[in-house]
């Protein structure tokens, strides 16, 4: 900054010292134009001494001489001389970083309106720059606008500073045309120009403009991941999710994505666009690399991806791990559902019971968990397994407490009761049939034994017992008849 300012100051001094007097004249249209004047000899000598100091980088000494010149001759100097000294002293102040004093001298020189038009124009630009540096953005805008009104070929940097001044005043809409002009005039891409445009477009929610801008930025600076992420986010805001996905995927393939959140977002995009298998493989790779934490949230996502890819055998152990790490029963409930669908009823029963024990389930999930638990238990019951069905019935009884599952739970309980009643009736019928068969077999055996006794053959031990039992029974019946009162039950008496 100081070197540049010193060069400017020396060129100004050299130009003034060599100026020759020229009278005012009219141009071809009859308008009077100001011509360069010459410095008074005494002023020129003192400026020459200051110039010598400036040319040898003795700015403080030069400034001292310029101060003496102003204090000694300031009131008596003609406007051109005074404006010239103020311009040079202001440049010296600026080179020393004393911006407030530089602004005072530059603005005083402009008020004199004694310098050539080109120098006044340059002064306005210098004043605008200094106000910008001092964060006097309103004044900076005013002087930049005055300069632009008269400048023949404003460069990109001037428009950039004007846009930045509007931005710092939170007047984002006013900044738009100036930053767009700066971008169009820039001979080579300047990152700060693009960054300012990006911020302004973001503040104004000009998403279409911002997308096109970020696409250009990535072409110029493809190794900066923040631009890729911003472009993907802006695509998302425009509901252009496939382009957002493609942007993140390309950034990942180029080795730019390393943040956990970005990798997880990419895995979710794979799920959304029907490539869950690749999403699952991505998560496993990044978990193994340590860039994605193997926590409940990410394990749940991995299990979902495997399930979506119809890789249920891979989903189950991942979901089991996630359910074990979780403080609530939500994942255990989901594990129970998956195991039930896979007809692993005993494992499903364990998972569902864990879900209910851990708690934290929404009411609808509690209801469904009890109903599914009852069905998992029921499906493990074999014929006649009343104990297992009783456990299923206990779960259905819990499910009856919820309006969502009351009707189905009642139907299941009625079904279990019907099975139990049917089995009871069947058992009674079978017992009666078995008793009848036993009695018939006994009668057949007794008949055979009587035949043995009547034939005089030796009676077997079994027949002897049967015949003795029959005789004893007949004797008991006879004794019972004898003990009854005579004529008892005779209705004719």
Protein backbone atom coordinates (compact mmCIF):
# COMPACT_ATOMS: atom_id res chain seq x y z
CA UNK A 1 0.00 0.00 0.00
CA UNK A 2 2.75 2.46 0.94
CA UNK A 3 4.87 1.63 -2.10
CA UNK A 4 1.95 2.12 -4.47
CA UNK A 5 0.96 5.37 -2.77
CA UNK A 6 4.57 6.65 -3.01
CA UNK A 7 4.66 5.94 -6.76
CA UNK A 8 1.37 7.80 -7.20
CA UNK A 9 2.63 10.76 -5.20
CA UNK A 10 5.89 10.98 -7.11
CA UNK A 11 4.09 10.85 -10.44
CA UNK A 12 1.76 13.62 -9.34
CA UNK A 13 4.61 15.82 -8.18
CA UNK A 14 6.64 15.18 -11.28
CA UNK A 15 3.67 16.06 -13.48
CA UNK A 16 2.96 19.26 -11.63
CA UNK A 17 6.56 20.42 -11.57
CA UNK A 18 6.80 20.02 -15.32
CA UNK A 19 3.44 21.64 -16.08
CA UNK A 20 3.42 24.67 -18.32
CA UNK A 21 0.84 27.46 -18.33
CA UNK A 22 -2.02 27.07 -20.78
CA UNK A 23 -4.99 29.38 -21.12
CA UNK A 24 -8.58 28.17 -20.97
CA UNK A 25 -10.05 27.53 -24.39
CA UNK A 26 -13.24 26.36 -26.01
CA UNK A 27 -13.70 22.89 -27.47
CA UNK A 28 -15.38 22.21 -30.79
CA UNK A 29 -18.85 22.51 -29.21
CA UNK A 30 -18.21 25.90 -27.69
CA UNK A 31 -17.72 24.58 -24.15
CA UNK A 32 -14.88 25.85 -22.02
CA UNK A 33 -12.42 23.20 -20.87
CA UNK A 34 -9.95 23.59 -18.04
CA UNK A 35 -6.32 23.25 -18.97
CA UNK A 36 -3.46 22.29 -16.69
CA UNK A 37 -2.01 25.24 -14.82
CA UNK A 38 1.55 25.62 -13.59
CA UNK A 39 2.61 25.89 -9.99
CA UNK A 40 3.88 29.16 -8.57
CA UNK A 41 7.73 29.07 -8.53
CA UNK A 42 7.99 29.25 -4.71
CA UNK A 43 5.43 26.48 -4.29
CA UNK A 44 7.13 24.46 -6.97
CA UNK A 45 10.50 24.72 -5.13
CA UNK A 46 9.06 23.54 -1.83
CA UNK A 47 7.14 20.78 -3.51
CA UNK A 48 10.35 19.78 -5.25
CA UNK A 49 12.08 19.39 -1.88
CA UNK A 50 9.19 17.28 -0.61
CA UNK A 51 9.36 15.28 -3.81
CA UNK A 52 13.03 14.53 -3.14
CA UNK A 53 12.10 13.10 0.27
CA UNK A 54 9.25 11.10 -1.17
CA UNK A 55 11.39 9.67 -3.93
CA UNK A 56 13.82 8.42 -1.27
CA UNK A 57 11.06 6.97 0.89
CA UNK A 58 11.41 9.68 3.55
CA UNK A 59 7.67 10.17 3.87
CA UNK A 60 7.71 11.73 7.32
CA UNK A 61 10.24 14.38 6.25
CA UNK A 62 8.20 15.06 3.13
CA UNK A 63 5.07 15.36 5.23
CA UNK A 64 6.79 17.83 7.54
CA UNK A 65 7.77 20.01 4.55
CA UNK A 66 4.23 19.82 3.15
CA UNK A 67 2.76 20.82 6.53
CA UNK A 68 5.11 23.82 6.68
CA UNK A 69 4.13 24.75 3.16
CA UNK A 70 0.43 24.70 4.03
CA UNK A 71 0.87 26.57 7.30
CA UNK A 72 3.14 29.20 5.75
CA UNK A 73 1.47 29.75 2.37
CA UNK A 74 -1.88 28.02 2.59
CA UNK A 75 -4.06 31.12 2.76
CA UNK A 76 -2.12 32.95 0.08
CA UNK A 77 -1.83 30.14 -2.43
CA UNK A 78 -3.99 30.21 -5.50
CA UNK A 79 -6.60 27.40 -5.67
CA UNK A 80 -4.60 25.27 -8.11
CA UNK A 81 -1.46 25.39 -5.95
CA UNK A 82 -3.36 24.71 -2.75
CA UNK A 83 -5.35 21.85 -4.30
CA UNK A 84 -2.10 20.36 -5.62
CA UNK A 85 -0.42 20.48 -2.21
CA UNK A 86 -3.51 19.03 -0.51
CA UNK A 87 -3.64 16.23 -3.05
CA UNK A 88 0.00 15.32 -2.52
CA UNK A 89 -0.16 15.63 1.25
CA UNK A 90 -3.30 13.52 1.30
CA UNK A 91 -1.46 10.84 -0.66
CA UNK A 92 1.39 10.97 1.86
CA UNK A 93 -1.06 10.62 4.73
CA UNK A 94 -2.67 7.68 2.95
CA UNK A 95 0.70 5.97 2.47
CA UNK A 96 1.23 6.20 6.25
CA UNK A 97 -2.18 4.74 6.95
CA UNK A 98 -3.53 8.04 8.33
CA UNK A 99 -6.76 7.77 6.40
CA UNK A 100 -8.75 10.38 8.26
CA UNK A 101 -6.19 13.10 7.46
CA UNK A 102 -5.88 11.85 3.90
CA UNK A 103 -9.64 12.12 3.46
CA UNK A 104 -9.64 15.66 4.86
CA UNK A 105 -7.00 16.79 2.36
CA UNK A 106 -8.52 14.98 -0.63
CA UNK A 107 -12.01 16.30 0.01
CA UNK A 108 -10.65 19.85 0.54
CA UNK A 109 -8.84 19.58 -2.80
CA UNK A 110 -12.07 18.46 -4.47
CA UNK A 111 -13.98 21.38 -2.98
CA UNK A 112 -11.50 23.83 -4.51
CA UNK A 113 -12.36 22.38 -7.95
CA UNK A 114 -9.08 23.75 -9.29
CA UNK A 115 -7.35 20.60 -10.54
CA UNK A 116 -7.67 19.17 -14.04
CA UNK A 117 -10.70 16.97 -14.59
CA UNK A 118 -8.65 13.78 -14.72
CA UNK A 119 -7.04 14.52 -11.38
CA UNK A 120 -10.36 15.38 -9.77
CA UNK A 121 -11.73 12.13 -11.10
CA UNK A 122 -8.82 10.21 -9.59
CA UNK A 123 -9.31 12.08 -6.32
CA UNK A 124 -12.94 10.97 -6.16
CA UNK A 125 -11.84 7.40 -6.65
CA UNK A 126 -9.20 7.74 -3.93
CA UNK A 127 -11.74 9.29 -1.56
CA UNK A 128 -14.19 6.48 -2.30
CA UNK A 129 -11.51 3.88 -1.57
CA UNK A 130 -10.52 5.52 1.71
CA UNK A 131 -14.12 5.81 2.87
CA UNK A 132 -14.53 2.14 2.03
CA UNK A 133 -11.46 1.23 4.08
CA UNK A 134 -12.76 3.32 6.96
CA UNK A 135 -16.13 1.53 6.68
CA UNK A 136 -17.91 4.76 5.77
CA UNK A 137 -19.89 2.84 3.22
CA UNK A 138 -22.52 5.48 2.52
CA UNK A 139 -19.85 8.04 1.59
CA UNK A 140 -17.92 5.41 -0.33
CA UNK A 141 -21.01 4.69 -2.44
CA UNK A 142 -21.59 8.38 -3.09
CA UNK A 143 -18.03 8.99 -4.33
CA UNK A 144 -17.86 5.73 -6.30
CA UNK A 145 -21.10 6.66 -8.05
CA UNK A 146 -19.75 10.14 -8.88
CA UNK A 147 -16.60 8.59 -10.24
CA UNK A 148 -18.54 6.07 -12.34
CA UNK A 149 -20.68 8.85 -13.83
CA UNK A 150 -17.58 10.49 -15.35
CA UNK A 151 -15.12 7.64 -15.80
CA UNK A 152 -14.68 6.56 -19.41
CA UNK A 153 -13.73 2.91 -18.81
CA UNK A 154 -14.35 1.84 -15.20
CA UNK A 155 -12.59 -1.39 -14.33
CA UNK A 156 -14.03 -4.46 -12.61
CA UNK A 157 -12.48 -3.62 -9.25
CA UNK A 158 -14.41 -0.35 -8.96
CA UNK A 159 -17.70 -2.13 -9.48
CA UNK A 160 -16.63 -4.79 -6.99
CA UNK A 161 -15.95 -2.19 -4.28
CA UNK A 162 -19.22 -0.43 -4.99
CA UNK A 163 -21.09 -3.73 -4.71
CA UNK A 164 -19.22 -4.55 -1.50
CA UNK A 165 -20.15 -1.17 -0.01
CA UNK A 166 -23.82 -1.85 -0.70
CA UNK A 167 -23.42 -5.33 0.78
CA UNK A 168 -21.93 -4.01 4.01
CA UNK A 169 -24.92 -1.67 4.32
CA UNK A 170 -27.20 -4.74 3.97
CA UNK A 171 -28.54 -3.32 0.71
CA UNK A 172 -28.11 -6.60 -1.13
CA UNK A 173 -30.41 -5.79 -4.03
CA UNK A 174 -28.46 -2.64 -4.87
CA UNK A 175 -25.26 -4.71 -4.88
CA UNK A 176 -26.51 -7.15 -7.54
CA UNK A 177 -25.99 -5.11 -10.77
CA UNK A 178 -22.56 -3.89 -9.64
CA UNK A 179 -21.17 -7.31 -8.72
CA UNK A 180 -22.57 -8.76 -11.95
CA UNK A 181 -20.84 -5.93 -13.85
CA UNK A 182 -17.59 -6.66 -12.00
CA UNK A 183 -17.80 -10.32 -13.00
CA UNK A 184 -18.43 -9.44 -16.63
CA UNK A 185 -15.53 -6.94 -16.80
CA UNK A 186 -12.94 -9.05 -15.00
CA UNK A 187 -10.24 -10.16 -17.43
CA UNK A 188 -9.47 -13.20 -15.27
CA UNK A 189 -11.67 -14.94 -12.67
CA UNK A 190 -11.23 -13.38 -9.25
CA UNK A 191 -12.41 -15.48 -6.38
CA UNK A 192 -13.39 -12.55 -4.18
CA UNK A 193 -15.73 -11.31 -6.92
CA UNK A 194 -17.46 -14.67 -7.12
CA UNK A 195 -17.61 -15.00 -3.34
CA UNK A 196 -19.33 -11.64 -2.97
CA UNK A 197 -21.84 -12.49 -5.69
CA UNK A 198 -22.47 -15.84 -4.02
CA UNK A 199 -23.21 -14.20 -0.66
CA UNK A 200 -25.45 -11.54 -2.19
CA UNK A 201 -27.45 -14.08 -4.20
CA UNK A 202 -27.81 -16.25 -1.09
CA UNK A 203 -29.06 -13.32 1.00
CA UNK A 204 -31.67 -12.50 -1.64
CA UNK A 205 -32.64 -16.17 -2.21
CA UNK A 206 -31.80 -15.80 -5.90
CA UNK A 207 -31.34 -19.55 -6.19
CA UNK A 208 -31.34 -19.80 -9.98
CA UNK A 209 -28.66 -17.14 -10.26
CA UNK A 210 -26.72 -18.76 -7.45
CA UNK A 211 -26.77 -22.19 -9.08
CA UNK A 212 -25.35 -20.81 -12.31
CA UNK A 213 -22.75 -18.86 -10.36
CA UNK A 214 -21.67 -21.87 -8.28
CA UNK A 215 -21.41 -23.99 -11.42
CA UNK A 216 -18.94 -21.40 -12.78
CA UNK A 217 -17.08 -21.25 -9.48
CA UNK A 218 -16.55 -25.02 -9.46
CA UNK A 219 -15.15 -24.83 -12.97
CA UNK A 220 -12.51 -22.34 -11.75
CA UNK A 221 -11.85 -23.79 -8.27
CA UNK A 222 -12.82 -27.48 -8.42
CA UNK A 223 -10.72 -28.48 -5.41
CA UNK A 224 -12.66 -26.42 -2.84
CA UNK A 225 -15.29 -28.64 -1.28
CA UNK A 226 -17.36 -25.82 0.22
CA UNK A 227 -18.51 -24.77 -3.25
CA UNK A 228 -19.60 -28.31 -4.10
CA UNK A 229 -21.60 -28.52 -0.88
CA UNK A 230 -23.20 -25.14 -1.47
CA UNK A 231 -24.15 -26.14 -5.00
CA UNK A 232 -25.72 -29.39 -3.77
CA UNK A 233 -27.63 -27.52 -1.07
CA UNK A 234 -28.91 -24.96 -3.57
CA UNK A 235 -30.04 -27.71 -5.94
CA UNK A 236 -31.93 -29.18 -2.99
CA UNK A 237 -33.61 -25.85 -2.29
CA UNK A 238 -34.76 -25.79 -5.91
CA UNK A 239 -36.07 -29.35 -5.53
CA UNK A 240 -33.52 -30.50 -8.10
CA UNK A 241 -32.51 -33.40 -5.93
CA UNK A 242 -31.05 -35.57 -8.65
CA UNK A 243 -28.53 -32.82 -9.50
CA UNK A 244 -27.81 -32.38 -5.79
CA UNK A 245 -27.12 -36.10 -5.57
CA UNK A 246 -24.88 -36.04 -8.66
CA UNK A 247 -22.95 -33.07 -7.25
CA UNK A 248 -22.25 -34.77 -3.92
CA UNK A 249 -21.40 -38.06 -5.60
CA UNK A 250 -18.91 -36.39 -7.95
CA UNK A 251 -17.33 -34.50 -5.05
CA UNK A 252 -16.99 -37.80 -3.16
CA UNK A 253 -15.47 -39.57 -6.13
CA UNK A 254 -12.95 -36.73 -6.40
CA UNK A 255 -11.93 -37.28 -2.79
CA UNK A 256 -13.36 -34.00 -1.53
CA UNK A 257 -16.04 -35.19 0.89
CA UNK A 258 -14.71 -36.05 4.30
CA UNK A 259 -17.31 -34.69 6.71
CA UNK A 260 -19.55 -37.26 8.34
CA UNK A 261 -22.74 -35.31 7.61
CA UNK A 262 -21.92 -35.06 3.89
CA UNK A 263 -21.16 -38.78 3.60
CA UNK A 264 -24.38 -39.69 5.40
CA UNK A 265 -26.33 -37.33 3.11
CA UNK A 266 -24.83 -39.09 0.10
CA UNK A 267 -25.85 -42.49 1.50
CA UNK A 268 -29.40 -41.20 1.96
CA UNK A 269 -29.39 -39.96 -1.64
CA UNK A 270 -28.48 -43.48 -2.80
CA UNK A 271 -31.53 -44.72 -0.91
CA UNK A 272 -33.77 -42.06 -2.44
CA UNK A 273 -32.63 -42.84 -5.97
CA UNK A 274 -33.04 -46.60 -5.73
CA UNK A 275 -29.47 -47.65 -5.19
CA UNK A 276 -29.57 -48.65 -1.51
CA UNK A 277 -26.95 -51.36 -1.96
CA UNK A 278 -24.31 -48.79 -2.92
CA UNK A 279 -25.42 -46.57 -0.05
CA UNK A 280 -24.99 -49.44 2.41
CA UNK A 281 -21.54 -50.27 1.04
CA UNK A 282 -20.58 -46.59 1.29
CA UNK A 283 -21.59 -46.46 4.96
CA UNK A 284 -19.73 -49.66 5.80
CA UNK A 285 -16.59 -48.39 4.06
CA UNK A 286 -16.70 -45.05 5.87
CA UNK A 287 -17.51 -46.65 9.23
CA UNK A 288 -14.49 -48.92 8.82
CA UNK A 289 -12.39 -45.88 7.89
CA UNK A 290 -13.57 -44.05 11.01
CA UNK A 291 -15.12 -41.13 9.12
CA UNK A 292 -18.67 -42.17 10.05
CA UNK A 293 -19.43 -43.03 13.67
CA UNK A 294 -20.87 -46.48 14.31
CA UNK A 295 -23.67 -45.13 16.46
CA UNK A 296 -27.38 -45.84 16.76
CA UNK A 297 -28.46 -43.35 14.08
CA UNK A 298 -26.03 -44.52 11.44
CA UNK A 299 -26.57 -48.23 12.20
CA UNK A 300 -30.29 -47.70 11.83
CA UNK A 301 -29.71 -46.05 8.43
CA UNK A 302 -27.46 -48.94 7.39
CA UNK A 303 -30.11 -51.48 8.37
CA UNK A 304 -32.72 -49.54 6.40
CA UNK A 305 -30.49 -49.52 3.34
CA UNK A 306 -29.93 -53.29 3.58
CA UNK A 307 -33.67 -53.85 4.02
CA UNK A 308 -34.44 -51.63 1.03
CA UNK A 309 -31.92 -53.65 -0.97
CA UNK A 310 -33.78 -56.82 0.15
CA UNK A 311 -30.68 -57.96 2.00
CA UNK A 312 -32.61 -58.93 5.14
CA UNK A 313 -29.96 -61.32 6.40
CA UNK A 314 -27.50 -58.40 6.44
CA UNK A 315 -30.03 -55.98 7.89
CA UNK A 316 -30.92 -58.09 10.93
CA UNK A 317 -27.51 -58.17 12.69
CA UNK A 318 -27.02 -54.44 12.05
CA UNK A 319 -30.45 -53.65 13.46
CA UNK A 320 -29.79 -55.94 16.43
CA UNK A 321 -26.60 -53.99 17.19
CA UNK A 322 -28.43 -50.68 16.89
CA UNK A 323 -31.26 -51.90 19.13
CA UNK A 324 -28.75 -53.00 21.76
CA UNK A 325 -27.12 -49.56 21.78
CA UNK A 326 -30.40 -47.65 21.87
CA UNK A 327 -31.82 -46.35 25.14
CA UNK A 328 -35.40 -46.79 23.97
CA UNK A 329 -37.38 -49.66 22.53
CA UNK A 330 -38.06 -48.26 19.08
CA UNK A 331 -35.30 -50.12 17.27
CA UNK A 332 -35.97 -53.34 19.19
CA UNK A 333 -39.59 -53.09 18.02
CA UNK A 334 -38.45 -52.69 14.44
CA UNK A 335 -36.07 -55.64 14.89
CA UNK A 336 -38.98 -57.70 16.14
CA UNK A 337 -40.99 -56.79 13.04
CA UNK A 338 -38.14 -57.81 10.72
CA UNK A 339 -37.54 -61.08 12.57
CA UNK A 340 -41.25 -61.86 12.52
CA UNK A 341 -41.40 -61.23 8.76
CA UNK A 342 -38.46 -63.64 8.44
CA UNK A 343 -40.46 -66.22 10.46
CA UNK A 344 -37.91 -66.21 13.28
CA UNK A 345 -40.66 -66.23 15.87
CA UNK A 346 -38.63 -67.03 18.98
CA UNK A 347 -36.10 -64.30 18.17
CA UNK A 348 -38.94 -61.93 17.32
CA UNK A 349 -40.54 -62.66 20.71
CA UNK A 350 -37.30 -61.77 22.49
CA UNK A 351 -36.87 -58.52 20.51
CA UNK A 352 -40.48 -57.44 21.07
CA UNK A 353 -40.29 -58.17 24.77
CA UNK A 354 -37.07 -56.11 24.95
CA UNK A 355 -38.81 -53.26 23.14
CA UNK A 356 -41.67 -53.23 25.63
CA UNK A 357 -39.29 -53.52 28.58
CA UNK A 358 -37.11 -50.62 27.39
CA UNK A 359 -40.14 -48.43 26.80
CA UNK A 360 -40.17 -45.12 25.00
CA UNK A 361 -42.59 -46.42 22.37
CA UNK A 362 -45.39 -44.33 20.98
CA UNK A 363 -48.85 -45.59 21.90
CA UNK A 364 -49.49 -47.02 18.44
CA UNK A 365 -46.18 -48.90 18.55
CA UNK A 366 -46.95 -50.24 22.01
CA UNK A 367 -50.26 -51.57 20.74
CA UNK A 368 -48.68 -53.15 17.68
CA UNK A 369 -45.83 -54.61 19.74
CA UNK A 370 -48.22 -56.41 22.11
CA UNK A 371 -50.29 -57.71 19.20
CA UNK A 372 -47.20 -58.91 17.31
CA UNK A 373 -45.76 -60.46 20.49
CA UNK A 374 -48.96 -62.46 20.95
CA UNK A 375 -48.77 -63.70 17.36
CA UNK A 376 -45.06 -64.60 17.65
CA UNK A 377 -45.87 -66.67 20.75
CA UNK A 378 -48.92 -68.24 19.14
CA UNK A 379 -46.92 -69.30 16.09
CA UNK A 380 -44.55 -71.22 18.37
CA UNK A 381 -47.37 -73.27 19.91
CA UNK A 382 -47.82 -76.86 18.71
CA UNK A 383 -50.99 -78.97 18.94
CA UNK A 384 -52.15 -79.19 22.54
CA UNK A 385 -49.57 -76.65 23.75
CA UNK A 386 -51.95 -74.80 26.04
CA UNK A 387 -49.14 -73.20 28.04
CA UNK A 388 -47.68 -71.48 24.97
CA UNK A 389 -51.13 -70.37 23.88
CA UNK A 390 -51.73 -69.00 27.36
CA UNK A 391 -48.66 -66.79 27.00
CA UNK A 392 -49.93 -65.60 23.62
CA UNK A 393 -53.33 -64.89 25.18
CA UNK A 394 -51.66 -62.79 27.92
CA UNK A 395 -50.01 -60.62 25.23
CA UNK A 396 -53.31 -60.25 23.36
CA UNK A 397 -54.96 -59.24 26.62
CA UNK A 398 -52.46 -56.37 26.86
CA UNK A 399 -53.17 -55.43 23.23
CA UNK A 400 -56.88 -55.18 24.11
CA UNK A 401 -56.09 -52.09 26.21
CA UNK A 402 -55.50 -50.04 23.04
CA UNK A 403 -58.24 -48.93 20.72
CA UNK A 404 -55.98 -49.50 17.72
CA UNK A 405 -55.58 -53.24 18.36
CA UNK A 406 -58.58 -54.06 20.59
CA UNK A 407 -60.68 -55.67 17.87
CA UNK A 408 -57.91 -57.87 16.45
CA UNK A 409 -56.67 -58.86 19.90
CA UNK A 410 -60.21 -59.87 20.88
CA UNK A 411 -60.50 -61.99 17.73
CA UNK A 412 -57.23 -63.73 18.56
CA UNK A 413 -58.33 -64.42 22.13
CA UNK A 414 -61.64 -65.82 20.89
CA UNK A 415 -59.74 -67.99 18.43
CA UNK A 416 -57.48 -69.31 21.20
CA UNK A 417 -60.51 -70.01 23.42
CA UNK A 418 -62.20 -71.84 20.54
CA UNK A 419 -59.10 -73.98 20.00
CA UNK A 420 -58.97 -74.78 23.71
CA UNK A 421 -62.70 -75.70 23.79
CA UNK A 422 -62.36 -77.86 20.70
CA UNK A 423 -59.38 -79.66 22.17
CA UNK A 424 -61.29 -80.18 25.47
CA UNK A 425 -64.31 -81.66 23.69
CA UNK A 426 -62.09 -83.85 21.57
CA UNK A 427 -60.23 -85.07 24.63
CA UNK A 428 -63.50 -85.89 26.46
CA UNK A 429 -64.85 -87.73 23.42
CA UNK A 430 -61.66 -89.67 23.02
CA UNK A 431 -61.69 -90.57 26.74
CA UNK A 432 -65.29 -91.78 26.52
CA UNK A 433 -64.54 -93.83 23.43
CA UNK A 434 -61.53 -95.34 25.13
CA UNK A 435 -63.62 -96.25 28.21
CA UNK A 436 -66.25 -97.90 26.00
CA UNK A 437 -63.62 -99.87 24.20
CA UNK A 438 -62.16 -101.00 27.48
CA UNK A 439 -65.58 -102.12 28.74
CA UNK A 440 -66.30 -104.01 25.53
CA UNK A 441 -62.96 -105.75 25.71
CA UNK A 442 -63.65 -106.69 29.34
CA UNK A 443 -67.03 -108.18 28.41
CA UNK A 444 -65.47 -110.23 25.69
CA UNK A 445 -62.84 -111.53 28.08
CA UNK A 446 -65.46 -112.31 30.73
CA UNK A 447 -67.58 -114.24 28.25
CA UNK A 448 -64.56 -116.34 27.31
CA UNK A 449 -63.78 -117.01 30.95
CA UNK A 450 -67.35 -118.18 31.65
CA UNK A 451 -67.05 -120.55 28.74
CA UNK A 452 -63.83 -121.95 30.24
CA UNK A 453 -65.51 -122.54 33.62
CA UNK A 454 -68.57 -124.21 32.10
CA UNK A 455 -66.44 -126.51 29.97
CA UNK A 456 -64.57 -127.72 33.04
CA UNK A 457 -61.28 -126.63 31.61
CA UNK A 458 -58.61 -125.14 33.79
CA UNK A 459 -59.39 -121.50 34.37
CA UNK A 460 -56.50 -119.08 33.83
CA UNK A 461 -55.42 -116.79 36.60
CA UNK A 462 -56.76 -113.78 34.68
CA UNK A 463 -60.13 -115.50 34.20
CA UNK A 464 -60.24 -116.48 37.84
CA UNK A 465 -59.85 -112.85 38.86
CA UNK A 466 -62.47 -111.68 36.41
CA UNK A 467 -64.99 -114.38 37.49
CA UNK A 468 -64.38 -113.66 41.16
CA UNK A 469 -64.92 -109.98 40.55
CA UNK A 470 -68.16 -110.74 38.70
CA UNK A 471 -69.42 -113.08 41.46
CA UNK A 472 -68.56 -110.51 44.11
CA UNK A 473 -70.44 -107.86 42.22
CA UNK A 474 -73.51 -110.11 41.86
CA UNK A 475 -73.46 -110.89 45.58
CA UNK A 476 -73.31 -107.19 46.41
CA UNK A 477 -76.28 -106.54 44.11
CA UNK A 478 -78.29 -109.38 45.76
CA UNK A 479 -77.51 -108.12 49.23
CA UNK A 480 -78.56 -104.68 48.21
CA UNK A 481 -81.87 -105.97 46.86
CA UNK A 482 -82.51 -107.96 50.05
CA UNK A 483 -81.88 -104.95 52.23
CA UNK A 484 -84.45 -102.89 50.37
CA UNK A 485 -88.01 -102.59 52.11
CA UNK A 486 -90.62 -105.03 50.75
CA UNK A 487 -92.89 -103.53 48.10
CA UNK A 488 -90.69 -100.36 47.87
CA UNK A 489 -91.51 -98.61 44.68
CA UNK A 490 -94.70 -100.68 44.01
CA UNK A 491 -97.19 -98.14 42.74
CA UNK A 492 -100.18 -100.62 43.06
CA UNK A 493 -99.98 -100.86 46.87
